[in-house]
Amino acid sequence: MTSEIDRLLREALAARQSGRRGDARRALEAVIALEANHPLARNVLGLDALSSGDARAAAEHFECACRGDSAAAELWLNLASAHAALNDARSTKNALERALEADQRFLPALIGLAQVHEQLGEEGAAGERWNAVLALAGPTPPAELTEVVAHAASYVERRRAASADALNHALAPALAKASERDRRRARAASDAMLGRRSIYANECHGLHYPFLPADEFFDRHHFPWLTSLESKTGEIRDELAAILADPDPGLAPYVEQLPGVPENKWTSLNRSLDWSALHLWRDGERIDDVCLRAPKTAALVESLPLCRIPGRAPAVFFSILKAGKHIPPHTGVTNVRSIVHLPLVVPAGCTFRVGGEIRPWVEGKAFVFDDTIEHEAHNPTDRDRAVLILDCWNPHLSEAEQGMIRSMYQAMNAQWVMGASSAEVS
């Protein structure tokens, strides 16, 4: 039987190529008389029926073809076309879903399914499918998909805007009564639901202490001493200004990589004063000559509950970012610490991103963040930016845990140097 079917298929192909469509049809009908669900014969007969306007006959042929080869996504797509010609949206959708079961990256079926969901008024499902079309089409879709992709983008954006309005309406009464912490967290959650922001995890280059919340900016109530720090902003800024007025202020490049390190994101800042630092404490060691040049700042630092790990922390330094410079996205060493910024000199337009949240620095207004979550800084202005930076403990650690962390580092330091020091890029 197989040899007879092969002979008939060759006969049908030759007839079609010579324009004898009636002879070709008769040969294909002879094939399905021998094998009712032969996928190739049924598919060609279905395409002929569809082109001649007989959508019902086409659907019958395609259904048989799909029974003959249920793994062929193209056959299910053809069946969907026949059902669409019959204005049977539900059957069209079912056929397209079967096509995607056969090949989940089959773009024509995905586009068709998005169109059917939209036709049926199933807006949520349509938005999901159009979003998938955009992802699968990629940033440079073929020219023939230009209009489809434009429609997909427009539809997804309209759905996102409608969803944002609905979320804002639903949250408005509760947000009006919520604490600053709860408002920030709820808004981040709703933005994540809408695909407007990502949720970032810790990436530690040294010790990763497990089960601590991955919070981008820590809630201020954890650090009641920030008010005391902020009250000294003027004195700290004056001391820095006096240091910078010195012909040799002692600034050093913040990024200093070892010779031979391959080119990387830090190459443009390596050994450059575009991002410089003047340390008062480094790796837990007090830099006495610098502290003598900023005695009020040093005295204040001594009074603060900083992260103190012998040979490791704190790091306390003035950070200078030159005009027009950018610190690229990066993550720090360990999540056992938190990083405090006290902005001293901030031209309007400077910004700081941690994870999915961007904040401006405001002179005299401190904040605390987790530097093991991706962060970056921009100074697009024509003036330098200056910030006092220091380490404190992650507020979610107990005093007992702080003590055990010190013991862990002390034990490991006695054996070998583990991980990166706090002075490395963070």
Protein backbone atom coordinates (compact mmCIF):
# COMPACT_ATOMS: atom_id res chain seq x y z
CA MET A 1 0.00 0.00 0.00
CA THR A 2 2.83 2.38 0.81
CA SER A 3 4.31 2.08 -2.67
CA GLU A 4 0.88 2.72 -4.21
CA ILE A 5 0.39 5.84 -2.05
CA ASP A 6 3.85 7.10 -3.00
CA ARG A 7 3.02 6.56 -6.69
CA LEU A 8 -0.26 8.47 -6.36
CA LEU A 9 1.45 11.34 -4.53
CA ARG A 10 4.05 11.63 -7.29
CA GLU A 11 1.24 11.60 -9.85
CA ALA A 12 -0.61 14.34 -7.94
CA LEU A 13 2.52 16.49 -7.71
CA ALA A 14 3.23 16.16 -11.42
CA ALA A 15 -0.37 17.02 -12.27
CA ARG A 16 -0.34 20.13 -10.07
CA GLN A 17 2.95 21.30 -11.58
CA SER A 18 1.51 20.99 -15.09
CA GLY A 19 -1.70 22.75 -14.14
CA ARG A 20 -3.94 19.67 -14.27
CA ARG A 21 -5.62 20.33 -10.91
CA GLY A 22 -8.51 17.93 -11.58
CA ASP A 23 -6.11 15.04 -12.18
CA ALA A 24 -4.17 16.04 -9.05
CA ARG A 25 -7.35 16.06 -6.98
CA ARG A 26 -8.36 12.62 -8.24
CA ALA A 27 -4.94 11.21 -7.36
CA LEU A 28 -5.14 12.68 -3.85
CA GLU A 29 -8.64 11.33 -3.38
CA ALA A 30 -7.28 7.93 -4.34
CA VAL A 31 -4.64 8.36 -1.61
CA ILE A 32 -7.22 9.06 1.10
CA ALA A 33 -9.27 6.10 -0.12
CA LEU A 34 -6.27 3.99 0.88
CA GLU A 35 -5.36 6.03 4.03
CA ALA A 36 -8.21 8.22 5.25
CA ASN A 37 -6.11 10.55 7.41
CA HIS A 38 -3.05 10.86 5.21
CA PRO A 39 -1.78 14.31 6.38
CA LEU A 40 -0.19 15.47 3.13
CA ALA A 41 -3.08 14.48 0.87
CA ARG A 42 -5.70 15.86 3.25
CA ASN A 43 -3.76 19.11 3.68
CA VAL A 44 -3.46 19.74 -0.07
CA LEU A 45 -7.13 18.93 -0.59
CA GLY A 46 -8.02 21.24 2.28
CA LEU A 47 -5.97 24.10 0.83
CA ASP A 48 -7.66 23.61 -2.55
CA ALA A 49 -11.09 23.65 -0.92
CA LEU A 50 -10.22 26.77 1.10
CA SER A 51 -8.97 28.61 -2.01
CA SER A 52 -12.17 27.74 -3.86
CA GLY A 53 -14.33 29.10 -1.03
CA ASP A 54 -15.52 25.80 0.43
CA ALA A 55 -14.43 26.37 4.02
CA ARG A 56 -16.53 23.52 5.41
CA ALA A 57 -14.92 20.94 3.14
CA ALA A 58 -11.54 22.46 3.94
CA ALA A 59 -12.20 22.08 7.69
CA GLU A 60 -13.10 18.42 7.22
CA HIS A 61 -9.88 17.77 5.29
CA PHE A 62 -7.72 19.61 7.83
CA GLU A 63 -9.34 17.77 10.74
CA CYS A 64 -8.40 14.47 9.10
CA ALA A 65 -4.88 15.77 8.42
CA CYS A 66 -4.48 16.70 12.11
CA ARG A 67 -5.63 13.25 13.14
CA GLY A 68 -3.00 11.85 10.83
CA ASP A 69 -0.21 14.04 12.28
CA SER A 70 -1.20 15.82 15.50
CA ALA A 71 2.36 17.11 16.04
CA ALA A 72 2.35 19.28 12.91
CA ALA A 73 1.62 22.84 14.04
CA GLU A 74 1.07 24.00 10.45
CA LEU A 75 -1.85 21.59 10.01
CA TRP A 76 -3.59 22.97 13.10
CA LEU A 77 -2.99 26.50 11.80
CA ASN A 78 -4.68 25.56 8.50
CA LEU A 79 -7.61 24.09 10.41
CA ALA A 80 -7.86 27.35 12.35
CA SER A 81 -7.98 29.25 9.04
CA ALA A 82 -10.89 27.11 7.85
CA HIS A 83 -12.82 27.65 11.10
CA ALA A 84 -12.12 31.38 10.86
CA ALA A 85 -13.60 31.37 7.35
CA LEU A 86 -16.69 29.74 8.88
CA ASN A 87 -16.82 32.50 11.54
CA ASP A 88 -16.42 29.87 14.25
CA ALA A 89 -14.20 31.75 16.72
CA ARG A 90 -14.30 29.08 19.43
CA SER A 91 -13.19 26.31 17.08
CA THR A 92 -10.56 28.64 15.63
CA LYS A 93 -9.19 29.26 19.12
CA ASN A 94 -9.11 25.54 19.91
CA ALA A 95 -7.18 24.76 16.73
CA LEU A 96 -4.67 27.54 17.42
CA GLU A 97 -4.15 26.28 20.97
CA ARG A 98 -3.43 22.82 19.54
CA ALA A 99 -0.90 24.40 17.15
CA LEU A 100 0.89 25.97 20.12
CA GLU A 101 0.82 22.68 21.99
CA ALA A 102 2.70 21.24 19.03
CA ASP A 103 5.13 24.19 18.85
CA GLN A 104 4.96 26.79 21.61
CA ARG A 105 7.13 29.21 19.59
CA PHE A 106 4.97 29.05 16.44
CA LEU A 107 4.48 32.77 15.88
CA PRO A 108 1.64 32.62 13.30
CA ALA A 109 -0.50 30.59 15.74
CA LEU A 110 0.36 32.97 18.59
CA ILE A 111 -0.68 35.97 16.50
CA GLY A 112 -3.88 34.23 15.45
CA LEU A 113 -4.74 33.32 19.04
CA ALA A 114 -4.19 36.91 20.18
CA GLN A 115 -6.52 38.10 17.42
CA VAL A 116 -9.22 35.59 18.37
CA HIS A 117 -9.06 36.50 22.08
CA GLU A 118 -9.39 40.16 21.08
CA GLN A 119 -12.32 39.33 18.76
CA LEU A 120 -14.08 37.48 21.61
CA GLY A 121 -13.55 40.39 23.99
CA GLU A 122 -11.24 38.32 26.21
CA GLU A 123 -9.03 41.29 26.97
CA GLY A 124 -6.83 39.74 29.63
CA ALA A 125 -6.01 36.69 27.50
CA ALA A 126 -5.53 38.89 24.43
CA GLY A 127 -3.10 41.12 26.30
CA GLU A 128 -1.14 38.11 27.51
CA ARG A 129 -0.92 36.66 23.98
CA TRP A 130 -0.01 40.00 22.36
CA ASN A 131 2.71 40.43 24.97
CA ALA A 132 4.03 36.99 24.03
CA VAL A 133 3.97 38.01 20.36
CA LEU A 134 6.16 41.02 21.17
CA ALA A 135 8.61 38.85 23.10
CA LEU A 136 8.79 36.23 20.35
CA ALA A 137 9.02 38.75 17.49
CA GLY A 138 12.03 40.35 19.18
CA PRO A 139 13.42 43.89 18.84
CA THR A 140 13.79 43.70 15.03
CA PRO A 141 10.80 41.79 13.62
CA PRO A 142 10.56 41.08 9.87
CA ALA A 143 9.11 43.84 7.74
CA GLU A 144 5.94 41.82 7.02
CA LEU A 145 5.15 41.85 10.76
CA THR A 146 5.51 45.61 11.23
CA GLU A 147 1.77 46.32 11.42
CA VAL A 148 1.04 43.27 13.60
CA VAL A 149 3.81 44.16 16.05
CA ALA A 150 2.67 47.79 16.18
CA HIS A 151 -0.86 46.63 16.99
CA ALA A 152 0.47 44.26 19.65
CA ALA A 153 2.48 47.03 21.31
CA SER A 154 -0.47 49.42 21.24
CA TYR A 155 -2.85 46.81 22.67
CA VAL A 156 -0.47 45.81 25.46
CA GLU A 157 0.10 49.44 26.40
CA ARG A 158 -3.65 50.13 26.50
CA ARG A 159 -4.19 47.07 28.71
CA ARG A 160 -1.34 48.14 30.97
CA ALA A 161 -2.77 51.63 31.32
CA ALA A 162 -6.23 50.23 32.08
CA SER A 163 -4.75 47.85 34.64
CA ALA A 164 -2.80 50.69 36.23
CA ASP A 165 -5.97 52.76 36.55
CA ALA A 166 -7.78 49.81 38.13
CA LEU A 167 -4.96 49.14 40.58
CA ASN A 168 -4.66 52.80 41.51
CA HIS A 169 -8.40 52.99 42.12
CA ALA A 170 -8.39 49.83 44.23
CA LEU A 171 -5.39 50.92 46.31
CA ALA A 172 -6.19 54.61 46.74
CA PRO A 173 -8.24 54.36 49.99
CA ALA A 174 -5.71 52.08 51.70
CA LEU A 175 -2.67 54.02 50.48
CA ALA A 176 -4.08 57.23 51.92
CA LYS A 177 -3.98 55.65 55.39
CA ALA A 178 -0.83 53.55 54.99
CA SER A 179 2.61 54.18 56.46
CA GLU A 180 5.43 55.34 54.21
CA ARG A 181 6.89 51.82 54.28
CA ASP A 182 3.61 50.15 53.35
CA ARG A 183 2.95 52.64 50.55
CA ARG A 184 6.37 52.05 49.02
CA ARG A 185 6.03 48.28 49.18
CA ALA A 186 2.47 48.21 47.82
CA ARG A 187 3.39 50.51 44.94
CA ALA A 188 6.41 48.37 44.10
CA ALA A 189 4.19 45.28 44.12
CA SER A 190 1.62 46.88 41.81
CA ASP A 191 4.36 48.10 39.44
CA ALA A 192 5.76 44.56 39.35
CA MET A 193 2.29 43.19 38.54
CA LEU A 194 2.07 45.64 35.64
CA GLY A 195 5.54 44.78 34.36
CA ARG A 196 6.74 48.33 35.01
CA ARG A 197 9.58 47.29 37.32
CA SER A 198 11.64 44.25 38.25
CA ILE A 199 12.15 42.75 41.69
CA TYR A 200 15.86 42.51 42.43
CA ALA A 201 17.62 39.89 44.53
CA ASN A 202 20.84 40.15 46.52
CA GLU A 203 24.07 39.43 44.66
CA CYS A 204 26.89 39.24 47.18
CA HIS A 205 30.53 38.94 46.14
CA GLY A 206 31.46 37.87 49.66
CA LEU A 207 29.37 36.62 52.58
CA HIS A 208 25.68 36.18 51.77
CA TYR A 209 23.80 35.93 55.06
CA PRO A 210 20.62 33.98 54.22
CA PHE A 211 16.98 34.85 54.85
CA LEU A 212 17.44 38.63 55.22
CA PRO A 213 14.82 40.67 53.32
CA ALA A 214 16.13 41.92 49.97
CA ASP A 215 15.03 45.52 50.53
CA GLU A 216 16.38 48.16 48.17
CA PHE A 217 16.06 51.17 50.49
CA PHE A 218 15.69 50.36 54.18
CA ASP A 219 12.88 51.92 56.17
CA ARG A 220 14.10 54.94 58.06
CA HIS A 221 12.63 53.88 61.41
CA HIS A 222 15.41 51.26 61.69
CA PHE A 223 17.96 54.08 62.04
CA PRO A 224 16.77 56.69 64.56
CA TRP A 225 20.29 58.15 64.70
CA LEU A 226 20.03 59.45 61.12
CA THR A 227 18.50 62.65 62.47
CA SER A 228 21.64 63.32 64.52
CA LEU A 229 23.80 62.66 61.47
CA GLU A 230 21.71 64.97 59.29
CA SER A 231 21.88 67.77 61.84
CA LYS A 232 25.66 67.91 61.32
CA THR A 233 25.46 68.19 57.53
CA GLY A 234 26.70 71.78 57.49
CA GLU A 235 29.74 71.04 59.67
CA ILE A 236 30.64 67.94 57.65
CA ARG A 237 30.28 69.82 54.36
CA ASP A 238 32.47 72.67 55.65
CA GLU A 239 35.21 70.23 56.63
CA LEU A 240 35.06 68.59 53.21
CA ALA A 241 35.17 71.99 51.49
CA ALA A 242 38.32 72.90 53.45
CA ILE A 243 39.94 69.61 52.44
CA LEU A 244 39.03 70.07 48.76
CA ALA A 245 40.44 73.61 48.84
CA ASP A 246 43.87 72.14 49.61
CA PRO A 247 46.09 71.89 46.52
CA ASP A 248 46.61 68.24 47.43
CA PRO A 249 43.36 67.06 49.06
CA GLY A 250 44.48 63.43 49.14
CA LEU A 251 41.68 62.01 47.01
CA ALA A 252 42.29 58.57 45.53
CA PRO A 253 40.50 56.71 42.71
CA TYR A 254 37.71 54.62 44.17
CA VAL A 255 38.28 51.92 41.54
CA GLU A 256 41.81 50.52 41.54
CA GLN A 257 42.03 47.19 39.76
CA LEU A 258 45.09 44.98 39.66
CA PRO A 259 47.25 45.18 36.52
CA GLY A 260 46.26 42.65 33.91
CA VAL A 261 42.55 42.57 34.76
CA PRO A 262 40.59 42.14 31.50
CA GLU A 263 38.51 45.05 30.23
CA ASN A 264 35.22 45.27 32.13
CA LYS A 265 32.54 47.70 33.27
CA TRP A 266 35.03 49.44 35.57
CA THR A 267 37.69 50.08 32.93
CA SER A 268 36.65 53.69 32.29
CA LEU A 269 36.86 54.50 36.03
CA ASN A 270 39.93 52.41 36.84
CA ARG A 271 42.58 54.53 38.60
CA SER A 272 40.59 57.64 37.64
CA LEU A 273 39.60 60.57 39.82
CA ASP A 274 36.31 60.75 37.96
CA TRP A 275 35.04 58.75 40.95
CA SER A 276 37.29 59.40 43.91
CA ALA A 277 37.24 58.83 47.65
CA LEU A 278 38.85 60.14 50.80
CA HIS A 279 38.63 57.48 53.53
CA LEU A 280 38.32 58.27 57.22
CA TRP A 281 37.93 54.54 57.99
CA ARG A 282 38.87 51.73 55.64
CA ASP A 283 38.47 47.99 56.29
CA GLY A 284 37.67 48.85 59.89
CA GLU A 285 40.87 50.84 60.40
CA ARG A 286 40.79 54.52 61.38
CA ILE A 287 42.85 56.72 59.03
CA ASP A 288 44.17 59.11 61.67
CA ASP A 289 45.67 61.77 59.40
CA VAL A 290 42.40 62.14 57.47
CA CYS A 291 40.34 62.19 60.67
CA LEU A 292 42.54 65.02 61.94
CA ARG A 293 41.58 67.03 58.85
CA ALA A 294 37.86 66.41 59.52
CA PRO A 295 37.69 66.21 63.33
CA LYS A 296 33.98 66.98 63.73
CA THR A 297 33.06 64.37 61.13
CA ALA A 298 35.35 61.82 62.80
CA ALA A 299 33.90 62.51 66.24
CA LEU A 300 30.37 62.08 64.93
CA VAL A 301 31.29 58.82 63.22
CA GLU A 302 32.78 57.48 66.45
CA SER A 303 29.39 57.98 68.14
CA LEU A 304 27.35 56.09 65.54
CA PRO A 305 26.31 52.40 65.75
CA LEU A 306 28.25 51.37 62.66
CA CYS A 307 29.06 47.89 61.40
CA ARG A 308 32.32 47.01 63.16
CA ILE A 309 34.17 43.90 62.00
CA PRO A 310 37.94 43.88 62.61
CA GLY A 311 39.77 44.04 59.31
CA ARG A 312 36.53 44.45 57.39
CA ALA A 313 34.25 47.28 58.48
CA PRO A 314 33.34 50.04 58.74
CA ALA A 315 34.25 51.97 55.65
CA VAL A 316 33.67 55.71 56.03
CA PHE A 317 34.60 58.06 53.21
CA PHE A 318 33.81 61.15 51.21
CA SER A 319 32.74 60.07 47.72
CA ILE A 320 33.23 62.52 44.84
CA LEU A 321 31.61 61.90 41.47
CA LYS A 322 32.85 64.30 38.83
CA ALA A 323 30.55 66.33 36.60
CA GLY A 324 29.10 64.33 33.71
CA LYS A 325 30.17 60.95 35.09
CA HIS A 326 28.28 57.71 35.68
CA ILE A 327 28.90 54.81 38.08
CA PRO A 328 27.73 51.69 36.22
CA PRO A 329 25.28 49.11 37.63
CA HIS A 330 27.00 46.87 40.18
CA THR A 331 26.51 44.97 43.44
CA GLY A 332 28.46 44.89 46.67
CA VAL A 333 30.23 42.45 48.93
CA THR A 334 27.91 41.32 51.73
CA ASN A 335 24.33 41.88 52.84
CA VAL A 336 25.25 41.89 56.56
CA ARG A 337 25.84 45.61 56.23
CA SER A 338 23.77 48.57 55.07
CA ILE A 339 25.16 51.60 53.28
CA VAL A 340 24.35 55.13 54.45
CA HIS A 341 24.53 58.12 52.12
CA LEU A 342 24.54 61.64 53.55
CA PRO A 343 24.40 63.98 50.53
CA LEU A 344 26.63 67.02 51.01
CA VAL A 345 26.92 68.70 47.60
CA VAL A 346 24.34 67.63 45.04
CA PRO A 347 23.71 69.57 41.80
CA ALA A 348 20.11 69.31 40.64
CA GLY A 349 19.66 66.37 38.29
CA CYS A 350 21.88 63.80 40.01
CA THR A 351 20.13 60.46 40.57
CA PHE A 352 20.73 57.18 42.32
CA ARG A 353 19.07 53.88 41.43
CA VAL A 354 18.85 50.85 43.68
CA GLY A 355 17.05 47.91 42.07
CA GLY A 356 13.81 49.21 40.64
CA GLU A 357 13.69 52.53 42.49
CA ILE A 358 15.36 55.80 41.49
CA ARG A 359 15.86 58.59 44.01
CA PRO A 360 17.48 61.99 43.84
CA TRP A 361 20.05 62.86 46.47
CA VAL A 362 18.81 65.72 48.63
CA GLU A 363 21.46 67.66 50.51
CA GLY A 364 21.24 66.93 54.23
CA LYS A 365 18.73 64.06 53.82
CA ALA A 366 20.29 60.68 54.53
CA PHE A 367 19.07 57.31 53.31
CA VAL A 368 20.18 53.71 53.80
CA PHE A 369 20.25 50.96 51.15
CA ASP A 370 21.40 47.41 50.50
CA ASP A 371 24.33 47.62 48.13
CA THR A 372 24.14 43.92 47.23
CA ILE A 373 21.11 44.86 45.14
CA GLU A 374 22.12 46.27 41.77
CA HIS A 375 22.63 50.03 41.94
CA GLU A 376 24.13 52.86 39.89
CA ALA A 377 24.71 56.63 40.08
CA HIS A 378 24.43 59.44 37.54
CA ASN A 379 25.82 62.95 37.64
CA PRO A 380 24.75 64.50 34.31
CA THR A 381 25.43 68.04 35.55
CA ASP A 382 28.39 70.42 35.13
CA ARG A 383 29.32 70.30 38.86
CA ASP A 384 30.84 67.61 41.07
CA ARG A 385 28.69 65.63 43.51
CA ALA A 386 29.88 64.86 47.07
CA VAL A 387 28.41 62.34 49.52
CA LEU A 388 29.53 60.99 52.90
CA ILE A 389 29.24 57.19 52.84
CA LEU A 390 29.45 54.84 55.81
CA ASP A 391 28.56 51.27 56.81
CA CYS A 392 26.12 50.11 59.45
CA TRP A 393 24.65 46.71 60.23
CA ASN A 394 21.76 45.29 58.26
CA PRO A 395 18.84 46.22 60.54
CA HIS A 396 17.34 42.73 60.31
CA LEU A 397 20.29 41.17 62.14
CA SER A 398 20.06 40.59 65.88
CA GLU A 399 22.92 41.55 68.19
CA ALA A 400 23.63 37.85 68.64
CA GLU A 401 23.94 37.44 64.87
CA GLN A 402 26.25 40.45 64.66
CA GLY A 403 28.51 38.80 67.21
CA MET A 404 28.50 35.50 65.35
CA ILE A 405 29.31 37.26 62.08
CA ARG A 406 32.33 38.89 63.72
CA SER A 407 33.42 35.47 64.96
CA MET A 408 32.97 33.98 61.49
CA TYR A 409 35.20 36.61 59.91
CA GLN A 410 37.80 36.40 62.66
CA ALA A 411 38.02 32.62 62.32
CA MET A 412 38.29 32.77 58.54
CA ASN A 413 40.78 35.64 58.59
CA ALA A 414 43.04 33.50 60.74
CA GLN A 415 43.06 30.83 58.01
CA TRP A 416 43.00 32.77 54.74
CA VAL A 417 41.60 35.89 53.14
CA MET A 418 38.01 35.19 52.16
CA GLY A 419 36.05 37.15 49.58
CA ALA A 420 36.48 40.84 48.96
CA SER A 421 37.17 43.59 51.44
CA SER A 422 34.74 46.39 52.04
CA ALA A 423 37.07 48.76 50.23
CA GLU A 424 36.61 46.98 46.92
CA VAL A 425 34.06 48.21 44.42
CA SER A 426 30.69 48.22 46.16
